[in-house]
mmCIF file of all heavy atoms, coordinates in Angstrom:
data_MODEL
# 
_entry.id   MODEL 
# 
loop_
_atom_site.group_PDB 
_atom_site.id 
_atom_site.type_symbol 
_atom_site.label_atom_id 
_atom_site.label_alt_id 
_atom_site.label_comp_id 
_atom_site.label_asym_id 
_atom_site.label_entity_id 
_atom_site.label_seq_id 
_atom_site.pdbx_PDB_ins_code 
_atom_site.Cartn_x 
_atom_site.Cartn_y 
_atom_site.Cartn_z 
_atom_site.occupancy 
_atom_site.B_iso_or_equiv 
_atom_site.pdbx_formal_charge 
_atom_site.auth_seq_id 
_atom_site.auth_comp_id 
_atom_site.auth_asym_id 
_atom_site.auth_atom_id 
_atom_site.pdbx_PDB_model_num 
ATOM 1   N N   . HIS A 1 1  ? 0.877  -1.206  0.004  1.00 0.00 ? 1  HIS A N   1 
ATOM 2   C CA  . HIS A 1 1  ? -0.016 0.000   0.036  1.00 0.00 ? 1  HIS A CA  1 
ATOM 3   C C   . HIS A 1 1  ? 0.914  1.201   -0.038 1.00 0.00 ? 1  HIS A C   1 
ATOM 4   O O   . HIS A 1 1  ? 0.886  2.048   0.987  1.00 0.00 ? 1  HIS A O   1 
ATOM 5   C CB  . HIS A 1 1  ? -0.914 -0.007  1.220  1.00 0.00 ? 1  HIS A CB  1 
ATOM 6   C CG  . HIS A 1 1  ? -1.906 -1.107  1.269  1.00 0.00 ? 1  HIS A CG  1 
ATOM 7   N ND1 . HIS A 1 1  ? -3.038 -1.207  0.536  1.00 0.00 ? 1  HIS A ND1 1 
ATOM 8   C CD2 . HIS A 1 1  ? -1.810 -2.391  1.974  1.00 0.00 ? 1  HIS A CD2 1 
ATOM 9   C CE1 . HIS A 1 1  ? -3.676 -2.319  0.756  1.00 0.00 ? 1  HIS A CE1 1 
ATOM 10  N NE2 . HIS A 1 1  ? -2.944 -3.030  1.580  1.00 0.00 ? 1  HIS A NE2 1 
ATOM 11  N N   . ALA A 1 2  ? 1.665  1.442   -1.085 1.00 0.00 ? 2  ALA A N   1 
ATOM 12  C CA  . ALA A 1 2  ? 2.677  2.474   -1.126 1.00 0.00 ? 2  ALA A CA  1 
ATOM 13  C C   . ALA A 1 2  ? 2.028  3.824   -0.922 1.00 0.00 ? 2  ALA A C   1 
ATOM 14  O O   . ALA A 1 2  ? 2.600  4.783   -0.348 1.00 0.00 ? 2  ALA A O   1 
ATOM 15  C CB  . ALA A 1 2  ? 3.450  2.420   -2.390 1.00 0.00 ? 2  ALA A CB  1 
ATOM 16  N N   . SER A 1 3  ? 0.804  4.011   -1.476 1.00 0.00 ? 3  SER A N   1 
ATOM 17  C CA  . SER A 1 3  ? 0.206  5.382   -1.353 1.00 0.00 ? 3  SER A CA  1 
ATOM 18  C C   . SER A 1 3  ? -0.121 5.706   0.109  1.00 0.00 ? 3  SER A C   1 
ATOM 19  O O   . SER A 1 3  ? -0.324 6.921   0.431  1.00 0.00 ? 3  SER A O   1 
ATOM 20  C CB  . SER A 1 3  ? -1.103 5.392   -2.154 1.00 0.00 ? 3  SER A CB  1 
ATOM 21  O OG  . SER A 1 3  ? -2.110 4.594   -1.636 1.00 0.00 ? 3  SER A OG  1 
ATOM 22  N N   . GLN A 1 4  ? -0.205 4.747   0.959  1.00 0.00 ? 4  GLN A N   1 
ATOM 23  C CA  . GLN A 1 4  ? -0.479 4.930   2.396  1.00 0.00 ? 4  GLN A CA  1 
ATOM 24  C C   . GLN A 1 4  ? 0.728  4.819   3.297  1.00 0.00 ? 4  GLN A C   1 
ATOM 25  O O   . GLN A 1 4  ? 0.674  5.436   4.376  1.00 0.00 ? 4  GLN A O   1 
ATOM 26  C CB  . GLN A 1 4  ? -1.550 3.888   2.853  1.00 0.00 ? 4  GLN A CB  1 
ATOM 27  C CG  . GLN A 1 4  ? -2.731 3.850   1.881  1.00 0.00 ? 4  GLN A CG  1 
ATOM 28  C CD  . GLN A 1 4  ? -3.458 5.144   1.724  1.00 0.00 ? 4  GLN A CD  1 
ATOM 29  O OE1 . GLN A 1 4  ? -3.975 5.719   2.654  1.00 0.00 ? 4  GLN A OE1 1 
ATOM 30  N NE2 . GLN A 1 4  ? -3.548 5.592   0.506  1.00 0.00 ? 4  GLN A NE2 1 
ATOM 31  N N   . THR A 1 5  ? 1.721  4.022   2.940  1.00 0.00 ? 5  THR A N   1 
ATOM 32  C CA  . THR A 1 5  ? 2.784  3.733   3.883  1.00 0.00 ? 5  THR A CA  1 
ATOM 33  C C   . THR A 1 5  ? 4.187  4.128   3.438  1.00 0.00 ? 5  THR A C   1 
ATOM 34  O O   . THR A 1 5  ? 5.068  4.013   4.272  1.00 0.00 ? 5  THR A O   1 
ATOM 35  C CB  . THR A 1 5  ? 2.793  2.202   4.184  1.00 0.00 ? 5  THR A CB  1 
ATOM 36  O OG1 . THR A 1 5  ? 3.060  1.497   2.854  1.00 0.00 ? 5  THR A OG1 1 
ATOM 37  C CG2 . THR A 1 5  ? 1.447  1.645   4.672  1.00 0.00 ? 5  THR A CG2 1 
ATOM 38  N N   . SER A 1 6  ? 4.336  4.600   2.231  1.00 0.00 ? 6  SER A N   1 
ATOM 39  C CA  . SER A 1 6  ? 5.693  4.859   1.758  1.00 0.00 ? 6  SER A CA  1 
ATOM 40  C C   . SER A 1 6  ? 6.409  6.007   2.523  1.00 0.00 ? 6  SER A C   1 
ATOM 41  O O   . SER A 1 6  ? 7.608  6.108   2.620  1.00 0.00 ? 6  SER A O   1 
ATOM 42  C CB  . SER A 1 6  ? 5.689  5.223   0.291  1.00 0.00 ? 6  SER A CB  1 
ATOM 43  O OG  . SER A 1 6  ? 4.880  6.405   -0.076 1.00 0.00 ? 6  SER A OG  1 
ATOM 44  N N   . HIS A 1 7  ? 5.590  6.855   3.136  1.00 0.00 ? 7  HIS A N   1 
ATOM 45  C CA  . HIS A 1 7  ? 6.129  7.965   3.960  1.00 0.00 ? 7  HIS A CA  1 
ATOM 46  C C   . HIS A 1 7  ? 6.436  7.622   5.347  1.00 0.00 ? 7  HIS A C   1 
ATOM 47  O O   . HIS A 1 7  ? 7.016  8.360   6.122  1.00 0.00 ? 7  HIS A O   1 
ATOM 48  C CB  . HIS A 1 7  ? 5.113  9.166   3.975  1.00 0.00 ? 7  HIS A CB  1 
ATOM 49  C CG  . HIS A 1 7  ? 3.889  8.822   4.739  1.00 0.00 ? 7  HIS A CG  1 
ATOM 50  N ND1 . HIS A 1 7  ? 2.966  7.867   4.279  1.00 0.00 ? 7  HIS A ND1 1 
ATOM 51  C CD2 . HIS A 1 7  ? 3.452  9.255   5.936  1.00 0.00 ? 7  HIS A CD2 1 
ATOM 52  C CE1 . HIS A 1 7  ? 1.982  7.794   5.167  1.00 0.00 ? 7  HIS A CE1 1 
ATOM 53  N NE2 . HIS A 1 7  ? 2.237  8.584   6.203  1.00 0.00 ? 7  HIS A NE2 1 
ATOM 54  N N   . MET A 1 8  ? 6.046  6.366   5.725  1.00 0.00 ? 8  MET A N   1 
ATOM 55  C CA  . MET A 1 8  ? 6.156  5.928   7.190  1.00 0.00 ? 8  MET A CA  1 
ATOM 56  C C   . MET A 1 8  ? 7.503  5.184   7.356  1.00 0.00 ? 8  MET A C   1 
ATOM 57  O O   . MET A 1 8  ? 7.585  3.919   7.209  1.00 0.00 ? 8  MET A O   1 
ATOM 58  C CB  . MET A 1 8  ? 4.991  5.044   7.501  1.00 0.00 ? 8  MET A CB  1 
ATOM 59  C CG  . MET A 1 8  ? 3.673  5.771   7.344  1.00 0.00 ? 8  MET A CG  1 
ATOM 60  S SD  . MET A 1 8  ? 2.191  4.630   7.608  1.00 0.00 ? 8  MET A SD  1 
ATOM 61  C CE  . MET A 1 8  ? 2.300  4.309   9.412  1.00 0.00 ? 8  MET A CE  1 
ATOM 62  N N   . ASP A 1 9  ? 8.533  5.910   7.751  1.00 0.00 ? 9  ASP A N   1 
ATOM 63  C CA  . ASP A 1 9  ? 9.835  5.313   7.876  1.00 0.00 ? 9  ASP A CA  1 
ATOM 64  C C   . ASP A 1 9  ? 9.865  4.370   9.062  1.00 0.00 ? 9  ASP A C   1 
ATOM 65  O O   . ASP A 1 9  ? 10.682 3.480   9.082  1.00 0.00 ? 9  ASP A O   1 
ATOM 66  C CB  . ASP A 1 9  ? 10.936 6.476   8.134  1.00 0.00 ? 9  ASP A CB  1 
ATOM 67  C CG  . ASP A 1 9  ? 11.091 7.314   6.919  1.00 0.00 ? 9  ASP A CG  1 
ATOM 68  O OD1 . ASP A 1 9  ? 10.794 6.829   5.727  1.00 0.00 ? 9  ASP A OD1 1 
ATOM 69  O OD2 . ASP A 1 9  ? 11.488 8.475   7.008  1.00 0.00 ? 9  ASP A OD2 1 
ATOM 70  N N   . THR A 1 10 ? 8.976  4.496   10.062 1.00 0.00 ? 10 THR A N   1 
ATOM 71  C CA  . THR A 1 10 ? 9.019  3.719   11.255 1.00 0.00 ? 10 THR A CA  1 
ATOM 72  C C   . THR A 1 10 ? 7.775  2.802   11.291 1.00 0.00 ? 10 THR A C   1 
ATOM 73  O O   . THR A 1 10 ? 7.410  2.373   12.420 1.00 0.00 ? 10 THR A O   1 
ATOM 74  C CB  . THR A 1 10 ? 9.011  4.563   12.496 1.00 0.00 ? 10 THR A CB  1 
ATOM 75  O OG1 . THR A 1 10 ? 7.899  5.490   12.533 1.00 0.00 ? 10 THR A OG1 1 
ATOM 76  C CG2 . THR A 1 10 ? 10.303 5.465   12.542 1.00 0.00 ? 10 THR A CG2 1 
ATOM 77  N N   . LEU A 1 11 ? 7.265  2.459   10.115 1.00 0.00 ? 11 LEU A N   1 
ATOM 78  C CA  . LEU A 1 11 ? 6.052  1.602   10.057 1.00 0.00 ? 11 LEU A CA  1 
ATOM 79  C C   . LEU A 1 11 ? 6.278  0.252   10.842 1.00 0.00 ? 11 LEU A C   1 
ATOM 80  O O   . LEU A 1 11 ? 5.442  -0.070  11.701 1.00 0.00 ? 11 LEU A O   1 
ATOM 81  C CB  . LEU A 1 11 ? 5.680  1.283   8.626  1.00 0.00 ? 11 LEU A CB  1 
ATOM 82  C CG  . LEU A 1 11 ? 4.532  0.305   8.375  1.00 0.00 ? 11 LEU A CG  1 
ATOM 83  C CD1 . LEU A 1 11 ? 3.197  0.842   8.916  1.00 0.00 ? 11 LEU A CD1 1 
ATOM 84  C CD2 . LEU A 1 11 ? 4.454  -0.146  6.958  1.00 0.00 ? 11 LEU A CD2 1 
ATOM 85  N N   . GLU A 1 12 ? 7.358  -0.367  10.552 1.00 0.00 ? 12 GLU A N   1 
ATOM 86  C CA  . GLU A 1 12 ? 7.593  -1.694  11.146 1.00 0.00 ? 12 GLU A CA  1 
ATOM 87  C C   . GLU A 1 12 ? 7.726  -1.605  12.718 1.00 0.00 ? 12 GLU A C   1 
ATOM 88  O O   . GLU A 1 12 ? 7.084  -2.401  13.347 1.00 0.00 ? 12 GLU A O   1 
ATOM 89  C CB  . GLU A 1 12 ? 8.856  -2.340  10.641 1.00 0.00 ? 12 GLU A CB  1 
ATOM 90  C CG  . GLU A 1 12 ? 8.662  -2.839  9.179  1.00 0.00 ? 12 GLU A CG  1 
ATOM 91  C CD  . GLU A 1 12 ? 8.787  -1.877  8.139  1.00 0.00 ? 12 GLU A CD  1 
ATOM 92  O OE1 . GLU A 1 12 ? 8.963  -0.599  8.451  1.00 0.00 ? 12 GLU A OE1 1 
ATOM 93  O OE2 . GLU A 1 12 ? 8.567  -2.188  6.931  1.00 0.00 ? 12 GLU A OE2 1 
ATOM 94  N N   . ASP A 1 13 ? 8.420  -0.557  13.138 1.00 0.00 ? 13 ASP A N   1 
ATOM 95  C CA  . ASP A 1 13 ? 8.489  -0.424  14.615 1.00 0.00 ? 13 ASP A CA  1 
ATOM 96  C C   . ASP A 1 13 ? 7.220  -0.115  15.275 1.00 0.00 ? 13 ASP A C   1 
ATOM 97  O O   . ASP A 1 13 ? 6.887  -0.642  16.322 1.00 0.00 ? 13 ASP A O   1 
ATOM 98  C CB  . ASP A 1 13 ? 9.507  0.649   14.863 1.00 0.00 ? 13 ASP A CB  1 
ATOM 99  C CG  . ASP A 1 13 ? 10.954 0.261   14.564 1.00 0.00 ? 13 ASP A CG  1 
ATOM 100 O OD1 . ASP A 1 13 ? 11.258 -0.936  14.533 1.00 0.00 ? 13 ASP A OD1 1 
ATOM 101 O OD2 . ASP A 1 13 ? 11.794 1.211   14.423 1.00 0.00 ? 13 ASP A OD2 1 
ATOM 102 N N   . PHE A 1 14 ? 6.375  0.816   14.588 1.00 0.00 ? 14 PHE A N   1 
ATOM 103 C CA  . PHE A 1 14 ? 5.074  1.089   15.072 1.00 0.00 ? 14 PHE A CA  1 
ATOM 104 C C   . PHE A 1 14 ? 4.137  -0.052  15.182 1.00 0.00 ? 14 PHE A C   1 
ATOM 105 O O   . PHE A 1 14 ? 3.555  -0.302  16.241 1.00 0.00 ? 14 PHE A O   1 
ATOM 106 C CB  . PHE A 1 14 ? 4.500  2.193   14.175 1.00 0.00 ? 14 PHE A CB  1 
ATOM 107 C CG  . PHE A 1 14 ? 3.036  2.431   14.392 1.00 0.00 ? 14 PHE A CG  1 
ATOM 108 C CD1 . PHE A 1 14 ? 2.506  3.062   15.494 1.00 0.00 ? 14 PHE A CD1 1 
ATOM 109 C CD2 . PHE A 1 14 ? 2.069  2.016   13.479 1.00 0.00 ? 14 PHE A CD2 1 
ATOM 110 C CE1 . PHE A 1 14 ? 1.215  3.321   15.792 1.00 0.00 ? 14 PHE A CE1 1 
ATOM 111 C CE2 . PHE A 1 14 ? 0.679  2.233   13.615 1.00 0.00 ? 14 PHE A CE2 1 
ATOM 112 C CZ  . PHE A 1 14 ? 0.265  2.878   14.766 1.00 0.00 ? 14 PHE A CZ  1 
ATOM 113 N N   . VAL A 1 15 ? 4.144  -0.849  14.142 1.00 0.00 ? 15 VAL A N   1 
ATOM 114 C CA  . VAL A 1 15 ? 3.258  -2.006  14.108 1.00 0.00 ? 15 VAL A CA  1 
ATOM 115 C C   . VAL A 1 15 ? 3.735  -3.104  15.112 1.00 0.00 ? 15 VAL A C   1 
ATOM 116 O O   . VAL A 1 15 ? 2.964  -3.660  15.858 1.00 0.00 ? 15 VAL A O   1 
ATOM 117 C CB  . VAL A 1 15 ? 3.123  -2.564  12.694 1.00 0.00 ? 15 VAL A CB  1 
ATOM 118 C CG1 . VAL A 1 15 ? 2.400  -3.938  12.727 1.00 0.00 ? 15 VAL A CG1 1 
ATOM 119 C CG2 . VAL A 1 15 ? 2.400  -1.591  11.806 1.00 0.00 ? 15 VAL A CG2 1 
ATOM 120 N N   . LYS A 1 16 ? 5.080  -3.298  15.195 1.00 0.00 ? 16 LYS A N   1 
ATOM 121 C CA  . LYS A 1 16 ? 5.623  -4.250  16.138 1.00 0.00 ? 16 LYS A CA  1 
ATOM 122 C C   . LYS A 1 16 ? 5.209  -3.973  17.539 1.00 0.00 ? 16 LYS A C   1 
ATOM 123 O O   . LYS A 1 16 ? 5.051  -4.838  18.413 1.00 0.00 ? 16 LYS A O   1 
ATOM 124 C CB  . LYS A 1 16 ? 7.060  -4.376  15.977 1.00 0.00 ? 16 LYS A CB  1 
ATOM 125 C CG  . LYS A 1 16 ? 7.577  -5.209  14.819 1.00 0.00 ? 16 LYS A CG  1 
ATOM 126 C CD  . LYS A 1 16 ? 9.096  -5.299  14.735 1.00 0.00 ? 16 LYS A CD  1 
ATOM 127 C CE  . LYS A 1 16 ? 9.596  -6.209  13.645 1.00 0.00 ? 16 LYS A CE  1 
ATOM 128 N NZ  . LYS A 1 16 ? 11.048 -6.275  13.643 1.00 0.00 ? 16 LYS A NZ  1 
ATOM 129 N N   . GLY A 1 17 ? 5.109  -2.627  17.840 1.00 0.00 ? 17 GLY A N   1 
ATOM 130 C CA  . GLY A 1 17 ? 4.793  -2.233  19.162 1.00 0.00 ? 17 GLY A CA  1 
ATOM 131 C C   . GLY A 1 17 ? 3.569  -2.727  19.671 1.00 0.00 ? 17 GLY A C   1 
ATOM 132 O O   . GLY A 1 17 ? 3.469  -3.326  20.822 1.00 0.00 ? 17 GLY A O   1 
ATOM 133 N N   . TRP A 1 18 ? 2.469  -2.557  18.890 1.00 0.00 ? 18 TRP A N   1 
ATOM 134 C CA  . TRP A 1 18 ? 1.193  -3.087  19.392 1.00 0.00 ? 18 TRP A CA  1 
ATOM 135 C C   . TRP A 1 18 ? 1.022  -4.553  19.190 1.00 0.00 ? 18 TRP A C   1 
ATOM 136 O O   . TRP A 1 18 ? 0.260  -5.224  19.907 1.00 0.00 ? 18 TRP A O   1 
ATOM 137 C CB  . TRP A 1 18 ? -0.032 -2.253  18.844 1.00 0.00 ? 18 TRP A CB  1 
ATOM 138 C CG  . TRP A 1 18 ? -0.174 -1.919  17.387 1.00 0.00 ? 18 TRP A CG  1 
ATOM 139 C CD1 . TRP A 1 18 ? 0.265  -0.790  16.783 1.00 0.00 ? 18 TRP A CD1 1 
ATOM 140 C CD2 . TRP A 1 18 ? -0.775 -2.733  16.410 1.00 0.00 ? 18 TRP A CD2 1 
ATOM 141 N NE1 . TRP A 1 18 ? 0.025  -0.840  15.464 1.00 0.00 ? 18 TRP A NE1 1 
ATOM 142 C CE2 . TRP A 1 18 ? -0.645 -2.015  15.177 1.00 0.00 ? 18 TRP A CE2 1 
ATOM 143 C CE3 . TRP A 1 18 ? -1.310 -3.958  16.338 1.00 0.00 ? 18 TRP A CE3 1 
ATOM 144 C CZ2 . TRP A 1 18 ? -1.145 -2.491  14.000 1.00 0.00 ? 18 TRP A CZ2 1 
ATOM 145 C CZ3 . TRP A 1 18 ? -1.805 -4.501  15.208 1.00 0.00 ? 18 TRP A CZ3 1 
ATOM 146 C CH2 . TRP A 1 18 ? -1.768 -3.696  14.015 1.00 0.00 ? 18 TRP A CH2 1 
ATOM 147 N N   . LEU A 1 19 ? 1.693  -5.193  18.192 1.00 0.00 ? 19 LEU A N   1 
ATOM 148 C CA  . LEU A 1 19 ? 1.674  -6.606  18.095 1.00 0.00 ? 19 LEU A CA  1 
ATOM 149 C C   . LEU A 1 19 ? 2.335  -7.260  19.296 1.00 0.00 ? 19 LEU A C   1 
ATOM 150 O O   . LEU A 1 19 ? 1.910  -8.269  19.739 1.00 0.00 ? 19 LEU A O   1 
ATOM 151 C CB  . LEU A 1 19 ? 2.360  -7.040  16.796 1.00 0.00 ? 19 LEU A CB  1 
ATOM 152 C CG  . LEU A 1 19 ? 1.702  -6.684  15.460 1.00 0.00 ? 19 LEU A CG  1 
ATOM 153 C CD1 . LEU A 1 19 ? 2.533  -7.187  14.255 1.00 0.00 ? 19 LEU A CD1 1 
ATOM 154 C CD2 . LEU A 1 19 ? 0.288  -7.202  15.386 1.00 0.00 ? 19 LEU A CD2 1 
ATOM 155 N N   . ALA A 1 20 ? 3.479  -6.592  19.769 1.00 0.00 ? 20 ALA A N   1 
ATOM 156 C CA  . ALA A 1 20 ? 4.115  -7.099  21.001 1.00 0.00 ? 20 ALA A CA  1 
ATOM 157 C C   . ALA A 1 20 ? 3.184  -7.082  22.232 1.00 0.00 ? 20 ALA A C   1 
ATOM 158 O O   . ALA A 1 20 ? 3.240  -7.931  23.075 1.00 0.00 ? 20 ALA A O   1 
ATOM 159 C CB  . ALA A 1 20 ? 5.477  -6.388  21.188 1.00 0.00 ? 20 ALA A CB  1 
ATOM 160 N N   . MET A 1 21 ? 2.424  -5.958  22.298 1.00 0.00 ? 21 MET A N   1 
ATOM 161 C CA  . MET A 1 21 ? 1.453  -5.824  23.402 1.00 0.00 ? 21 MET A CA  1 
ATOM 162 C C   . MET A 1 21 ? 0.441  -6.919  23.365 1.00 0.00 ? 21 MET A C   1 
ATOM 163 O O   . MET A 1 21 ? -0.014 -7.473  24.395 1.00 0.00 ? 21 MET A O   1 
ATOM 164 C CB  . MET A 1 21 ? 0.909  -4.418  23.477 1.00 0.00 ? 21 MET A CB  1 
ATOM 165 C CG  . MET A 1 21 ? 1.829  -3.374  23.922 1.00 0.00 ? 21 MET A CG  1 
ATOM 166 S SD  . MET A 1 21 ? 0.994  -1.741  24.220 1.00 0.00 ? 21 MET A SD  1 
ATOM 167 C CE  . MET A 1 21 ? 0.459  -1.299  22.494 1.00 0.00 ? 21 MET A CE  1 
ATOM 168 N N   . ASN A 1 22 ? -0.061 -7.204  22.170 1.00 0.00 ? 22 ASN A N   1 
ATOM 169 C CA  . ASN A 1 22 ? -1.037 -8.333  21.950 1.00 0.00 ? 22 ASN A CA  1 
ATOM 170 C C   . ASN A 1 22 ? -0.379 -9.650  22.455 1.00 0.00 ? 22 ASN A C   1 
ATOM 171 O O   . ASN A 1 22 ? -1.034 -10.443 23.142 1.00 0.00 ? 22 ASN A O   1 
ATOM 172 C CB  . ASN A 1 22 ? -1.448 -8.424  20.486 1.00 0.00 ? 22 ASN A CB  1 
ATOM 173 C CG  . ASN A 1 22 ? -2.319 -7.313  20.025 1.00 0.00 ? 22 ASN A CG  1 
ATOM 174 O OD1 . ASN A 1 22 ? -2.955 -6.645  20.834 1.00 0.00 ? 22 ASN A OD1 1 
ATOM 175 N ND2 . ASN A 1 22 ? -2.391 -7.098  18.794 1.00 0.00 ? 22 ASN A ND2 1 
ATOM 176 N N   . ALA A 1 23 ? 0.837  -9.863  22.079 1.00 0.00 ? 23 ALA A N   1 
ATOM 177 C CA  . ALA A 1 23 ? 1.512  -11.109 22.420 1.00 0.00 ? 23 ALA A CA  1 
ATOM 178 C C   . ALA A 1 23 ? 1.684  -11.194 23.966 1.00 0.00 ? 23 ALA A C   1 
ATOM 179 O O   . ALA A 1 23 ? 1.505  -12.304 24.548 1.00 0.00 ? 23 ALA A O   1 
ATOM 180 C CB  . ALA A 1 23 ? 2.866  -11.185 21.701 1.00 0.00 ? 23 ALA A CB  1 
ATOM 181 N N   . GLN A 1 24 ? 1.959  -10.025 24.586 1.00 0.00 ? 24 GLN A N   1 
ATOM 182 C CA  . GLN A 1 24 ? 2.071  -10.061 26.054 1.00 0.00 ? 24 GLN A CA  1 
ATOM 183 C C   . GLN A 1 24 ? 0.688  -10.387 26.660 1.00 0.00 ? 24 GLN A C   1 
ATOM 184 O O   . GLN A 1 24 ? 0.606  -11.122 27.606 1.00 0.00 ? 24 GLN A O   1 
ATOM 185 C CB  . GLN A 1 24 ? 2.567  -8.742  26.508 1.00 0.00 ? 24 GLN A CB  1 
ATOM 186 C CG  . GLN A 1 24 ? 2.866  -8.650  27.975 1.00 0.00 ? 24 GLN A CG  1 
ATOM 187 C CD  . GLN A 1 24 ? 3.360  -7.207  28.383 1.00 0.00 ? 24 GLN A CD  1 
ATOM 188 O OE1 . GLN A 1 24 ? 3.170  -6.291  27.713 1.00 0.00 ? 24 GLN A OE1 1 
ATOM 189 N NE2 . GLN A 1 24 ? 4.169  -7.277  29.503 1.00 0.00 ? 24 GLN A NE2 1 
ATOM 190 N N   . ALA A 1 25 ? -0.382 -9.855  26.125 1.00 0.00 ? 25 ALA A N   1 
ATOM 191 C CA  . ALA A 1 25 ? -1.702 -10.106 26.653 1.00 0.00 ? 25 ALA A CA  1 
ATOM 192 C C   . ALA A 1 25 ? -2.103 -11.578 26.449 1.00 0.00 ? 25 ALA A C   1 
ATOM 193 O O   . ALA A 1 25 ? -2.786 -12.145 27.265 1.00 0.00 ? 25 ALA A O   1 
ATOM 194 C CB  . ALA A 1 25 ? -2.798 -9.261  25.936 1.00 0.00 ? 25 ALA A CB  1 
# 
């Protein structure tokens, strides 16, 4: 989804943050 995410340099870190919280839960 380049039109939505190409400007997001920290996309992976952002997404990993809440995925990690889910894993903790």
